[in-house]
Protein backbone atom coordinates (compact mmCIF):
# COMPACT_ATOMS: atom_id res chain seq x y z
CA UNK A 1 120.91 27.91 59.19
CA UNK A 2 117.91 25.82 58.09
CA UNK A 3 114.30 26.74 57.58
CA UNK A 4 113.03 29.85 59.34
CA UNK A 5 109.55 31.30 59.63
CA UNK A 6 108.54 34.47 61.38
CA UNK A 7 105.06 33.24 62.40
CA UNK A 8 102.97 30.08 62.49
CA UNK A 9 99.27 29.78 61.67
CA UNK A 10 97.59 26.49 62.56
CA UNK A 11 94.30 26.08 60.67
CA UNK A 12 91.57 23.94 62.25
CA UNK A 13 88.07 23.16 61.00
CA UNK A 14 85.22 23.75 63.44
CA UNK A 15 81.53 22.90 63.31
CA UNK A 16 80.26 25.89 65.29
CA UNK A 17 82.49 28.98 65.29
CA UNK A 18 80.67 30.74 68.14
CA UNK A 19 80.92 27.63 70.34
CA UNK A 20 84.66 27.38 69.62
CA UNK A 21 85.24 31.07 70.34
CA UNK A 22 83.31 30.77 73.62
CA UNK A 23 85.33 27.69 74.63
CA UNK A 24 88.74 29.22 73.91
CA UNK A 25 87.73 32.58 75.41
CA UNK A 26 87.04 30.73 78.67
CA UNK A 27 90.61 29.39 78.50
CA UNK A 28 91.96 32.93 78.25
CA UNK A 29 92.64 33.25 74.52
CA UNK A 30 91.94 36.44 72.60
CA UNK A 31 90.93 36.87 68.95
CA UNK A 32 92.06 39.30 66.28
CA UNK A 33 88.90 41.06 65.02
CA UNK A 34 90.65 42.02 61.75
CA UNK A 35 90.64 38.35 60.76
CA UNK A 36 87.25 37.38 62.11
CA UNK A 37 83.95 37.02 60.28
CA UNK A 38 81.15 34.42 60.06
CA UNK A 39 83.57 31.90 58.45
CA UNK A 40 86.71 32.24 60.52
CA UNK A 41 88.53 33.78 63.43
CA UNK A 42 92.15 34.26 64.33
CA UNK A 43 92.93 33.02 67.84
CA UNK A 44 96.06 34.64 69.25
CA UNK A 45 98.40 32.31 71.15
CA UNK A 46 101.19 34.91 71.24
CA UNK A 47 102.68 37.50 68.89
CA UNK A 48 104.07 34.78 66.60
CA UNK A 49 101.60 31.89 66.91
CA UNK A 50 97.98 31.94 65.78
CA UNK A 51 95.21 29.38 65.37
CA UNK A 52 92.75 29.99 62.56
CA UNK A 53 89.40 28.44 63.43
CA UNK A 54 87.53 27.94 60.16
CA UNK A 55 83.95 26.70 59.81
CA UNK A 56 84.00 23.40 57.96
CA UNK A 57 82.47 24.61 54.68
CA UNK A 58 85.06 27.39 54.50
CA UNK A 59 87.93 25.10 55.55
CA UNK A 60 86.98 22.81 52.63
CA UNK A 61 87.70 25.61 50.15
CA UNK A 62 91.42 25.23 51.03
CA UNK A 63 91.70 21.45 50.68
CA UNK A 64 91.06 18.65 48.21
CA UNK A 65 90.90 15.94 50.89
CA UNK A 66 88.13 15.16 53.34
CA UNK A 67 88.11 16.74 56.78
CA UNK A 68 89.25 14.24 59.43
CA UNK A 69 86.56 12.72 61.61
CA UNK A 70 88.02 13.78 64.97
CA UNK A 71 85.65 11.39 66.72
CA UNK A 72 87.79 8.50 65.45
CA UNK A 73 90.86 10.01 63.74
CA UNK A 74 93.61 12.34 64.94
CA UNK A 75 95.05 14.80 62.43
CA UNK A 76 97.30 16.83 64.72
CA UNK A 77 98.17 17.49 68.36
CA UNK A 78 98.57 21.18 69.13
CA UNK A 79 101.10 21.34 71.98
CA UNK A 80 101.53 24.54 73.96
CA UNK A 81 104.35 25.16 76.42
CA UNK A 82 103.28 26.93 79.61
CA UNK A 83 105.28 28.68 82.32
CA UNK A 84 104.75 26.14 85.13
CA UNK A 85 102.90 23.00 86.24
CA UNK A 86 100.24 25.00 88.06
CA UNK A 87 99.35 26.83 84.83
CA UNK A 88 99.13 23.49 82.98
CA UNK A 89 96.66 22.23 85.59
CA UNK A 90 94.73 25.51 85.63
CA UNK A 91 94.14 25.60 81.87
CA UNK A 92 93.50 21.85 81.54
CA UNK A 93 90.99 21.90 84.41
CA UNK A 94 89.29 24.93 82.89
CA UNK A 95 89.12 23.21 79.47
CA UNK A 96 87.40 20.21 81.03
CA UNK A 97 85.00 22.43 82.99
CA UNK A 98 83.83 24.37 79.92
CA UNK A 99 83.17 21.48 77.53
CA UNK A 100 86.48 19.89 76.66
CA UNK A 101 87.07 16.17 77.12
CA UNK A 102 90.07 14.47 78.69
CA UNK A 103 92.36 13.01 76.06
CA UNK A 104 95.02 11.20 78.10
CA UNK A 105 96.01 10.88 81.71
CA UNK A 106 98.50 13.47 83.00
CA UNK A 107 102.12 12.49 82.39
CA UNK A 108 104.89 13.45 84.80
CA UNK A 109 108.46 12.75 83.70
CA UNK A 110 109.93 14.91 86.48
CA UNK A 111 111.50 17.42 84.07
CA UNK A 112 108.31 17.58 81.97
CA UNK A 113 104.64 17.54 82.94
CA UNK A 114 101.76 17.27 80.44
CA UNK A 115 97.98 17.29 80.38
CA UNK A 116 95.85 16.92 77.30
CA UNK A 117 92.26 17.50 76.23
CA UNK A 118 89.99 17.52 73.21
CA UNK A 119 88.25 20.75 72.29
CA UNK A 120 84.51 20.70 71.37
CA UNK A 121 85.43 19.71 67.79
CA UNK A 122 87.63 16.82 68.91
CA UNK A 123 90.97 18.48 68.12
CA UNK A 124 93.75 17.33 70.44
CA UNK A 125 95.55 19.87 72.63
CA UNK A 126 98.50 19.15 74.88
CA UNK A 127 99.64 21.56 77.56
CA UNK A 128 103.07 21.07 79.01
CA UNK A 129 105.69 22.51 81.29
CA UNK A 130 109.31 21.58 80.74
CA UNK A 131 112.01 22.45 83.25
CA UNK A 132 114.72 23.69 80.86
CA UNK A 133 117.42 23.53 83.56
CA UNK A 134 116.73 19.83 84.18
CA UNK A 135 116.88 19.13 80.45
CA UNK A 136 120.25 20.90 80.15
CA UNK A 137 121.64 18.84 83.04
CA UNK A 138 120.68 15.65 81.23
């Protein structure tokens, strides 16, 4: 049956942990206090998906490479599926209002709608709604 994992943890370096927590709190995310200290926090996307925000000096203890310069390089796009187009717009607009930057123009393929932004550390986030029934119909 292929590779299976029960949970996913995306690890992202951040310059200012408090600023990142404030930004994502405004978007409606919650954080697990058991995995939060001055070096890191665990942002809960849902019961199986988490984003570990790690201050850069702590993030470096897990890698042998340099941290990407998100001002000019992209290391990953974190894409989150949302329940409808209105929710995509709501969260994207909120991200822009609380310090995020637009990444690309909205894309509307009819069956799929996306908006994207950069968080305060320059990480790329894409929010999308996909009409599963339209996809199944071809």
